[in-house]
């Protein structure tokens, strides 16, 4: 009997949908308190996930999902840089 490989699922902070980890964007807060996008999915620190959609980022920001996930307020500049990164990742 063949073993079925388990796919790690994560929940989007914006829409609340559970999706495979690879289909979501990981945002990390490291020990220094810096918040950034983890493209590799391996950076040390507290991770939170959102869909590759600016609407989900907007919802997560509006509902204070990012603030709750990281236990600190998230600056407007960080939100803007995350939005720019999402736009660049969506382009073909």
PDB file of N, CA and C in Angstrom:
ATOM      1  N   UNK A   1       0.833  -1.182   0.000  1.00  0.00           N
ATOM      2  CA  UNK A   1       0.000   0.000   0.000  1.00  0.00           C
ATOM      3  C   UNK A   1       0.880   1.250   0.000  1.00  0.00           C
ATOM      4  N   UNK A   2       0.598   2.159  -0.904  1.00  0.00           N
ATOM      5  CA  UNK A   2       1.402   3.367  -1.047  1.00  0.00           C
ATOM      6  C   UNK A   2       0.977   4.421  -0.022  1.00  0.00           C
ATOM      7  N   UNK A   3       1.999   5.082   0.568  1.00  0.00           N
ATOM      8  CA  UNK A   3       1.727   6.133   1.540  1.00  0.00           C
ATOM      9  C   UNK A   3       1.351   7.422   0.823  1.00  0.00           C
ATOM     10  N   UNK A   4       0.322   8.094   1.321  1.00  0.00           N
ATOM     11  CA  UNK A   4      -0.091   9.371   0.760  1.00  0.00           C
ATOM     12  C   UNK A   4       0.681  10.476   1.476  1.00  0.00           C
ATOM     13  N   UNK A   5       1.323  11.346   0.680  1.00  0.00           N
ATOM     14  CA  UNK A   5       2.104  12.429   1.260  1.00  0.00           C
ATOM     15  C   UNK A   5       1.164  13.494   1.819  1.00  0.00           C
ATOM     16  N   UNK A   6       1.419  13.910   3.047  1.00  0.00           N
ATOM     17  CA  UNK A   6       0.592  14.919   3.698  1.00  0.00           C
ATOM     18  C   UNK A   6       0.979  16.308   3.190  1.00  0.00           C
ATOM     19  N   UNK A   7      -0.018  17.084   2.803  1.00  0.00           N
ATOM     20  CA  UNK A   7       0.214  18.441   2.320  1.00  0.00           C
ATOM     21  C   UNK A   7      -0.086  19.408   3.463  1.00  0.00           C
ATOM     22  N   UNK A   8       0.928  20.205   3.881  1.00  0.00           N
ATOM     23  CA  UNK A   8       0.681  21.150   4.975  1.00  0.00           C
ATOM     24  C   UNK A   8      -0.294  22.249   4.550  1.00  0.00           C
ATOM     25  N   UNK A   9      -1.319  22.469   5.362  1.00  0.00           N
ATOM     26  CA  UNK A   9      -2.329  23.484   5.085  1.00  0.00           C
ATOM     27  C   UNK A   9      -2.129  24.667   6.024  1.00  0.00           C
ATOM     28  N   UNK A  10      -2.381  25.859   5.507  1.00  0.00           N
ATOM     29  CA  UNK A  10      -2.291  27.083   6.301  1.00  0.00           C
ATOM     30  C   UNK A  10      -3.514  27.946   6.007  1.00  0.00           C
ATOM     31  N   UNK A  11      -3.860  28.810   6.961  1.00  0.00           N
ATOM     32  CA  UNK A  11      -5.032  29.666   6.815  1.00  0.00           C
ATOM     33  C   UNK A  11      -4.621  31.090   6.461  1.00  0.00           C
ATOM     34  N   UNK A  12      -5.295  31.661   5.475  1.00  0.00           N
ATOM     35  CA  UNK A  12      -5.050  33.041   5.052  1.00  0.00           C
ATOM     36  C   UNK A  12      -5.610  33.995   6.106  1.00  0.00           C
ATOM     37  N   UNK A  13      -4.826  35.017   6.466  1.00  0.00           N
ATOM     38  CA  UNK A  13      -5.280  36.013   7.443  1.00  0.00           C
ATOM     39  C   UNK A  13      -6.380  36.904   6.879  1.00  0.00           C
ATOM     40  N   UNK A  14      -6.456  37.019   5.561  1.00  0.00           N
ATOM     41  CA  UNK A  14      -7.444  37.892   4.943  1.00  0.00           C
ATOM     42  C   UNK A  14      -8.798  37.238   4.782  1.00  0.00           C
ATOM     43  N   UNK A  15      -8.840  36.152   4.008  1.00  0.00           N
ATOM     44  CA  UNK A  15     -10.121  35.508   3.706  1.00  0.00           C
ATOM     45  C   UNK A  15     -10.456  34.369   4.662  1.00  0.00           C
ATOM     46  N   UNK A  16      -9.473  33.867   5.398  1.00  0.00           N
ATOM     47  CA  UNK A  16      -9.717  32.790   6.355  1.00  0.00           C
ATOM     48  C   UNK A  16      -9.790  31.414   5.724  1.00  0.00           C
ATOM     49  N   UNK A  17      -9.496  31.318   4.435  1.00  0.00           N
ATOM     50  CA  UNK A  17      -9.541  30.047   3.724  1.00  0.00           C
ATOM     51  C   UNK A  17      -8.285  29.228   3.991  1.00  0.00           C
ATOM     52  N   UNK A  18      -8.440  27.928   4.207  1.00  0.00           N
ATOM     53  CA  UNK A  18      -7.290  27.041   4.360  1.00  0.00           C
ATOM     54  C   UNK A  18      -6.855  26.559   2.982  1.00  0.00           C
ATOM     55  N   UNK A  19      -5.562  26.723   2.711  1.00  0.00           N
ATOM     56  CA  UNK A  19      -5.005  26.325   1.418  1.00  0.00           C
ATOM     57  C   UNK A  19      -3.666  25.646   1.656  1.00  0.00           C
ATOM     58  N   UNK A  20      -3.168  24.911   0.651  1.00  0.00           N
ATOM     59  CA  UNK A  20      -1.820  24.345   0.788  1.00  0.00           C
ATOM     60  C   UNK A  20      -0.795  25.454   0.999  1.00  0.00           C
ATOM     61  N   UNK A  21       0.177  25.176   1.839  1.00  0.00           N
ATOM     62  CA  UNK A  21       1.204  26.151   2.220  1.00  0.00           C
ATOM     63  C   UNK A  21       1.878  26.801   1.009  1.00  0.00           C
ATOM     64  N   UNK A  22       2.122  26.029  -0.034  1.00  0.00           N
ATOM     65  CA  UNK A  22       2.821  26.519  -1.231  1.00  0.00           C
ATOM     66  C   UNK A  22       2.002  27.556  -2.006  1.00  0.00           C
ATOM     67  N   UNK A  23       0.677  27.576  -1.810  1.00  0.00           N
ATOM     68  CA  UNK A  23      -0.191  28.502  -2.537  1.00  0.00           C
ATOM     69  C   UNK A  23      -0.362  29.835  -1.819  1.00  0.00           C
ATOM     70  N   UNK A  24       0.268  29.985  -0.653  1.00  0.00           N
ATOM     71  CA  UNK A  24       0.130  31.205   0.136  1.00  0.00           C
ATOM     72  C   UNK A  24       1.456  31.936   0.264  1.00  0.00           C
ATOM     73  N   UNK A  25       1.378  33.209   0.555  1.00  0.00           N
ATOM     74  CA  UNK A  25       2.540  34.064   0.752  1.00  0.00           C
ATOM     75  C   UNK A  25       2.840  34.115   2.248  1.00  0.00           C
ATOM     76  N   UNK A  26       4.084  33.830   2.610  1.00  0.00           N
ATOM     77  CA  UNK A  26       4.471  33.832   4.025  1.00  0.00           C
ATOM     78  C   UNK A  26       5.105  35.167   4.386  1.00  0.00           C
ATOM     79  N   UNK A  27       4.588  35.760   5.448  1.00  0.00           N
ATOM     80  CA  UNK A  27       5.129  37.004   5.982  1.00  0.00           C
ATOM     81  C   UNK A  27       5.711  36.669   7.346  1.00  0.00           C
ATOM     82  N   UNK A  28       6.926  37.157   7.619  1.00  0.00           N
ATOM     83  CA  UNK A  28       7.658  36.767   8.824  1.00  0.00           C
ATOM     84  C   UNK A  28       8.029  37.980   9.670  1.00  0.00           C
ATOM     85  N   UNK A  29       7.970  37.782  10.986  1.00  0.00           N
ATOM     86  CA  UNK A  29       8.525  38.764  11.928  1.00  0.00           C
ATOM     87  C   UNK A  29       9.690  38.070  12.617  1.00  0.00           C
ATOM     88  N   UNK A  30      10.909  38.623  12.465  1.00  0.00           N
ATOM     89  CA  UNK A  30      12.076  37.995  13.081  1.00  0.00           C
ATOM     90  C   UNK A  30      12.294  38.516  14.504  1.00  0.00           C
ATOM     91  N   UNK A  31      13.355  38.057  15.151  1.00  0.00           N
ATOM     92  CA  UNK A  31      13.629  38.435  16.541  1.00  0.00           C
ATOM     93  C   UNK A  31      13.848  39.930  16.718  1.00  0.00           C
ATOM     94  N   UNK A  32      14.341  40.593  15.673  1.00  0.00           N
ATOM     95  CA  UNK A  32      14.592  42.037  15.741  1.00  0.00           C
ATOM     96  C   UNK A  32      13.315  42.845  15.554  1.00  0.00           C
ATOM     97  N   UNK A  33      12.211  42.168  15.242  1.00  0.00           N
ATOM     98  CA  UNK A  33      10.936  42.856  15.043  1.00  0.00           C
ATOM     99  C   UNK A  33      10.698  43.310  13.620  1.00  0.00           C
ATOM    100  N   UNK A  34      11.578  42.916  12.694  1.00  0.00           N
ATOM    101  CA  UNK A  34      11.416  43.276  11.283  1.00  0.00           C
ATOM    102  C   UNK A  34      10.372  42.368  10.648  1.00  0.00           C
ATOM    103  N   UNK A  35       9.498  42.948   9.836  1.00  0.00           N
ATOM    104  CA  UNK A  35       8.464  42.185   9.142  1.00  0.00           C
ATOM    105  C   UNK A  35       8.780  42.224   7.653  1.00  0.00           C
ATOM    106  N   UNK A  36       8.814  41.036   7.033  1.00  0.00           N
ATOM    107  CA  UNK A  36       9.173  40.947   5.614  1.00  0.00           C
ATOM    108  C   UNK A  36       8.554  39.705   4.991  1.00  0.00           C
ATOM    109  N   UNK A  37       8.594  39.644   3.650  1.00  0.00           N
ATOM    110  CA  UNK A  37       8.080  38.482   2.918  1.00  0.00           C
ATOM    111  C   UNK A  37       9.156  37.417   2.865  1.00  0.00           C
ATOM    112  N   UNK A  38       8.768  36.191   3.172  1.00  0.00           N
ATOM    113  CA  UNK A  38       9.676  35.050   3.122  1.00  0.00           C
ATOM    114  C   UNK A  38       9.389  34.278   1.836  1.00  0.00           C
ATOM    115  N   UNK A  39      10.207  34.496   0.825  1.00  0.00           N
ATOM    116  CA  UNK A  39       9.982  33.844  -0.467  1.00  0.00           C
ATOM    117  C   UNK A  39      10.327  32.358  -0.441  1.00  0.00           C
ATOM    118  N   UNK A  40      11.275  31.963   0.401  1.00  0.00           N
ATOM    119  CA  UNK A  40      11.703  30.566   0.478  1.00  0.00           C
ATOM    120  C   UNK A  40      10.808  29.732   1.401  1.00  0.00           C
ATOM    121  N   UNK A  41      10.154  30.377   2.349  1.00  0.00           N
ATOM    122  CA  UNK A  41       9.312  29.654   3.300  1.00  0.00           C
ATOM    123  C   UNK A  41      10.092  29.031   4.435  1.00  0.00           C
ATOM    124  N   UNK A  42      11.334  29.485   4.647  1.00  0.00           N
ATOM    125  CA  UNK A  42      12.186  28.871   5.669  1.00  0.00           C
ATOM    126  C   UNK A  42      12.780  29.860   6.662  1.00  0.00           C
ATOM    127  N   UNK A  43      12.476  31.136   6.546  1.00  0.00           N
ATOM    128  CA  UNK A  43      13.089  32.143   7.419  1.00  0.00           C
ATOM    129  C   UNK A  43      12.688  31.913   8.877  1.00  0.00           C
ATOM    130  N   UNK A  44      13.623  32.170   9.780  1.00  0.00           N
ATOM    131  CA  UNK A  44      13.335  32.037  11.201  1.00  0.00           C
ATOM    132  C   UNK A  44      12.422  33.162  11.643  1.00  0.00           C
ATOM    133  N   UNK A  45      11.544  32.851  12.566  1.00  0.00           N
ATOM    134  CA  UNK A  45      10.658  33.864  13.112  1.00  0.00           C
ATOM    135  C   UNK A  45       9.207  33.433  13.052  1.00  0.00           C
ATOM    136  N   UNK A  46       8.352  34.326  13.482  1.00  0.00           N
ATOM    137  CA  UNK A  46       6.911  34.092  13.513  1.00  0.00           C
ATOM    138  C   UNK A  46       6.340  34.313  12.124  1.00  0.00           C
ATOM    139  N   UNK A  47       5.667  33.318  11.586  1.00  0.00           N
ATOM    140  CA  UNK A  47       5.125  33.414  10.238  1.00  0.00           C
ATOM    141  C   UNK A  47       3.616  33.570  10.216  1.00  0.00           C
ATOM    142  N   UNK A  48       3.136  34.284   9.216  1.00  0.00           N
ATOM    143  CA  UNK A  48       1.709  34.431   8.958  1.00  0.00           C
ATOM    144  C   UNK A  48       1.519  34.297   7.452  1.00  0.00           C
ATOM    145  N   UNK A  49       0.352  33.852   7.037  1.00  0.00           N
ATOM    146  CA  UNK A  49       0.121  33.563   5.627  1.00  0.00           C
ATOM    147  C   UNK A  49      -1.050  34.357   5.070  1.00  0.00           C
ATOM    148  N   UNK A  50      -0.900  34.812   3.816  1.00  0.00           N
ATOM    149  CA  UNK A  50      -2.000  35.435   3.085  1.00  0.00           C
ATOM    150  C   UNK A  50      -1.959  34.939   1.643  1.00  0.00           C
ATOM    151  N   UNK A  51      -3.111  35.028   0.967  1.00  0.00           N
ATOM    152  CA  UNK A  51      -3.193  34.653  -0.446  1.00  0.00           C
ATOM    153  C   UNK A  51      -2.391  35.642  -1.287  1.00  0.00           C
ATOM    154  N   UNK A  52      -2.052  35.237  -2.497  1.00  0.00           N
ATOM    155  CA  UNK A  52      -1.358  36.122  -3.442  1.00  0.00           C
ATOM    156  C   UNK A  52      -2.384  37.087  -4.045  1.00  0.00           C
ATOM    157  N   UNK A  53      -3.040  37.856  -3.184  1.00  0.00           N
ATOM    158  CA  UNK A  53      -4.101  38.754  -3.606  1.00  0.00           C
ATOM    159  C   UNK A  53      -4.071  40.003  -2.740  1.00  0.00           C
ATOM    160  N   UNK A  54      -4.074  41.162  -3.375  1.00  0.00           N
ATOM    161  CA  UNK A  54      -4.014  42.411  -2.604  1.00  0.00           C
ATOM    162  C   UNK A  54      -5.278  42.616  -1.777  1.00  0.00           C
ATOM    163  N   UNK A  55      -6.398  42.016  -2.201  1.00  0.00           N
ATOM    164  CA  UNK A  55      -7.643  42.127  -1.428  1.00  0.00           C
ATOM    165  C   UNK A  55      -7.507  41.410  -0.085  1.00  0.00           C
ATOM    166  N   UNK A  56      -6.832  40.282  -0.083  1.00  0.00           N
ATOM    167  CA  UNK A  56      -6.626  39.547   1.174  1.00  0.00           C
ATOM    168  C   UNK A  56      -5.716  40.335   2.116  1.00  0.00           C
ATOM    169  N   UNK A  57      -4.695  40.977   1.560  1.00  0.00           N
ATOM    170  CA  UNK A  57      -3.816  41.816   2.380  1.00  0.00           C
ATOM    171  C   UNK A  57      -4.607  42.978   2.969  1.00  0.00           C
ATOM    172  N   UNK A  58      -5.473  43.567   2.153  1.00  0.00           N
ATOM    173  CA  UNK A  58      -6.306  44.681   2.608  1.00  0.00           C
ATOM    174  C   UNK A  58      -7.233  44.233   3.745  1.00  0.00           C
ATOM    175  N   UNK A  59      -7.861  43.054   3.567  1.00  0.00           N
ATOM    176  CA  UNK A  59      -8.751  42.521   4.611  1.00  0.00           C
ATOM    177  C   UNK A  59      -7.989  42.205   5.888  1.00  0.00           C
ATOM    178  N   UNK A  60      -6.796  41.612   5.731  1.00  0.00           N
ATOM    179  CA  UNK A  60      -5.977  41.270   6.903  1.00  0.00           C
ATOM    180  C   UNK A  60      -5.561  42.529   7.653  1.00  0.00           C
ATOM    181  N   UNK A  61      -5.271  43.582   6.922  1.00  0.00           N
ATOM    182  CA  UNK A  61      -4.882  44.848   7.544  1.00  0.00           C
ATOM    183  C   UNK A  61      -6.082  45.507   8.225  1.00  0.00           C
ATOM    184  N   UNK A  62      -7.223  45.490   7.548  1.00  0.00           N
ATOM    185  CA  UNK A  62      -8.437  46.119   8.075  1.00  0.00           C
ATOM    186  C   UNK A  62      -8.926  45.423   9.348  1.00  0.00           C
ATOM    187  N   UNK A  63      -8.847  44.095   9.365  1.00  0.00           N
ATOM    188  CA  UNK A  63      -9.308  43.330  10.529  1.00  0.00           C
ATOM    189  C   UNK A  63      -8.225  43.184  11.595  1.00  0.00           C
ATOM    190  N   UNK A  64      -7.081  43.829  11.366  1.00  0.00           N
ATOM    191  CA  UNK A  64      -5.935  43.786  12.280  1.00  0.00           C
ATOM    192  C   UNK A  64      -5.387  42.362  12.447  1.00  0.00           C
ATOM    193  N   UNK A  65      -5.524  41.552  11.400  1.00  0.00           N
ATOM    194  CA  UNK A  65      -5.014  40.186  11.423  1.00  0.00           C
ATOM    195  C   UNK A  65      -3.502  40.118  11.529  1.00  0.00           C
ATOM    196  N   UNK A  66      -2.815  40.997  10.796  1.00  0.00           N
ATOM    197  CA  UNK A  66      -1.347  41.023  10.855  1.00  0.00           C
ATOM    198  C   UNK A  66      -0.877  41.461  12.238  1.00  0.00           C
ATOM    199  N   UNK A  67      -1.540  42.455  12.810  1.00  0.00           N
ATOM    200  CA  UNK A  67      -1.166  42.931  14.141  1.00  0.00           C
ATOM    201  C   UNK A  67      -1.343  41.823  15.179  1.00  0.00           C
ATOM    202  N   UNK A  68      -2.453  41.080  15.063  1.00  0.00           N
ATOM    203  CA  UNK A  68      -2.702  39.973  15.995  1.00  0.00           C
ATOM    204  C   UNK A  68      -1.678  38.857  15.825  1.00  0.00           C
ATOM    205  N   UNK A  69      -1.358  38.544  14.580  1.00  0.00           N
ATOM    206  CA  UNK A  69      -0.424  37.451  14.299  1.00  0.00           C
ATOM    207  C   UNK A  69       0.975  37.750  14.829  1.00  0.00           C
ATOM    208  N   UNK A  70       1.390  39.013  14.739  1.00  0.00           N
ATOM    209  CA  UNK A  70       2.747  39.374  15.141  1.00  0.00           C
ATOM    210  C   UNK A  70       2.832  40.005  16.522  1.00  0.00           C
ATOM    211  N   UNK A  71       1.707  40.313  17.130  1.00  0.00           N
ATOM    212  CA  UNK A  71       1.717  40.875  18.477  1.00  0.00           C
ATOM    213  C   UNK A  71       2.284  42.284  18.548  1.00  0.00           C
ATOM    214  N   UNK A  72       2.220  43.001  17.443  1.00  0.00           N
ATOM    215  CA  UNK A  72       2.698  44.388  17.412  1.00  0.00           C
ATOM    216  C   UNK A  72       2.005  45.110  16.267  1.00  0.00           C
ATOM    217  N   UNK A  73       2.029  46.430  16.303  1.00  0.00           N
ATOM    218  CA  UNK A  73       1.419  47.183  15.208  1.00  0.00           C
ATOM    219  C   UNK A  73       2.323  47.091  13.973  1.00  0.00           C
ATOM    220  N   UNK A  74       1.687  47.093  12.817  1.00  0.00           N
ATOM    221  CA  UNK A  74       2.414  46.993  11.555  1.00  0.00           C
ATOM    222  C   UNK A  74       2.335  48.353  10.866  1.00  0.00           C
ATOM    223  N   UNK A  75       3.499  48.935  10.566  1.00  0.00           N
ATOM    224  CA  UNK A  75       3.563  50.265   9.958  1.00  0.00           C
ATOM    225  C   UNK A  75       2.953  50.284   8.560  1.00  0.00           C
ATOM    226  N   UNK A  76       2.458  51.442   8.179  1.00  0.00           N
ATOM    227  CA  UNK A  76       1.869  51.647   6.849  1.00  0.00           C
ATOM    228  C   UNK A  76       2.894  51.370   5.748  1.00  0.00           C
ATOM    229  N   UNK A  77       4.168  51.725   5.991  1.00  0.00           N
ATOM    230  CA  UNK A  77       5.219  51.493   4.991  1.00  0.00           C
ATOM    231  C   UNK A  77       5.386  50.000   4.714  1.00  0.00           C
ATOM    232  N   UNK A  78       5.271  49.188   5.757  1.00  0.00           N
ATOM    233  CA  UNK A  78       5.405  47.734   5.599  1.00  0.00           C
ATOM    234  C   UNK A  78       4.236  47.197   4.782  1.00  0.00           C
ATOM    235  N   UNK A  79       3.025  47.664   5.089  1.00  0.00           N
ATOM    236  CA  UNK A  79       1.840  47.238   4.339  1.00  0.00           C
ATOM    237  C   UNK A  79       1.994  47.623   2.865  1.00  0.00           C
ATOM    238  N   UNK A  80       2.462  48.836   2.606  1.00  0.00           N
ATOM    239  CA  UNK A  80       2.666  49.295   1.228  1.00  0.00           C
ATOM    240  C   UNK A  80       3.701  48.448   0.496  1.00  0.00           C
ATOM    241  N   UNK A  81       4.797  48.104   1.183  1.00  0.00           N
ATOM    242  CA  UNK A  81       5.829  47.279   0.541  1.00  0.00           C
ATOM    243  C   UNK A  81       5.314  45.863   0.285  1.00  0.00           C
ATOM    244  N   UNK A  82       4.493  45.332   1.194  1.00  0.00           N
ATOM    245  CA  UNK A  82       3.891  44.012   0.986  1.00  0.00           C
ATOM    246  C   UNK A  82       2.959  44.048  -0.226  1.00  0.00           C
ATOM    247  N   UNK A  83       2.188  45.119  -0.340  1.00  0.00           N
ATOM    248  CA  UNK A  83       1.268  45.260  -1.467  1.00  0.00           C
ATOM    249  C   UNK A  83       2.031  45.339  -2.793  1.00  0.00           C
ATOM    250  N   UNK A  84       3.128  46.092  -2.808  1.00  0.00           N
ATOM    251  CA  UNK A  84       3.968  46.186  -4.010  1.00  0.00           C
ATOM    252  C   UNK A  84       4.526  44.814  -4.388  1.00  0.00           C
ATOM    253  N   UNK A  85       4.993  44.075  -3.392  1.00  0.00           N
ATOM    254  CA  UNK A  85       5.551  42.741  -3.639  1.00  0.00           C
ATOM    255  C   UNK A  85       4.498  41.805  -4.210  1.00  0.00           C
ATOM    256  N   UNK A  86       3.289  41.877  -3.682  1.00  0.00           N
ATOM    257  CA  UNK A  86       2.203  41.028  -4.179  1.00  0.00           C
ATOM    258  C   UNK A  86       1.898  41.378  -5.632  1.00  0.00           C
ATOM    259  N   UNK A  87       1.864  42.661  -5.951  1.00  0.00           N
ATOM    260  CA  UNK A  87       1.596  43.085  -7.332  1.00  0.00           C
ATOM    261  C   UNK A  87       2.669  42.561  -8.282  1.00  0.00           C
ATOM    262  N   UNK A  88       3.943  42.622  -7.858  1.00  0.00           N
ATOM    263  CA  UNK A  88       5.038  42.124  -8.699  1.00  0.00           C
ATOM    264  C   UNK A  88       4.965  40.610  -8.866  1.00  0.00           C
ATOM    265  N   UNK A  89       4.524  39.902  -7.840  1.00  0.00           N
ATOM    266  CA  UNK A  89       4.432  38.442  -7.916  1.00  0.00           C
ATOM    267  C   UNK A  89       3.261  38.002  -8.787  1.00  0.00           C
ATOM    268  N   UNK A  90       2.220  38.836  -8.888  1.00  0.00           N
ATOM    269  CA  UNK A  90       1.056  38.492  -9.703  1.00  0.00           C
ATOM    270  C   UNK A  90       1.318  38.682 -11.188  1.00  0.00           C
ATOM    271  N   UNK A  91       2.272  39.559 -11.531  1.00  0.00           N
ATOM    272  CA  UNK A  91       2.577  39.805 -12.939  1.00  0.00           C
ATOM    273  C   UNK A  91       3.215  38.570 -13.571  1.00  0.00           C
ATOM    274  N   UNK A  92       2.846  38.266 -14.843  1.00  0.00           N
ATOM    275  CA  UNK A  92       3.403  37.066 -15.488  1.00  0.00           C
ATOM    276  C   UNK A  92       4.865  37.183 -15.811  1.00  0.00           C
TER     277      UNK A  92
END
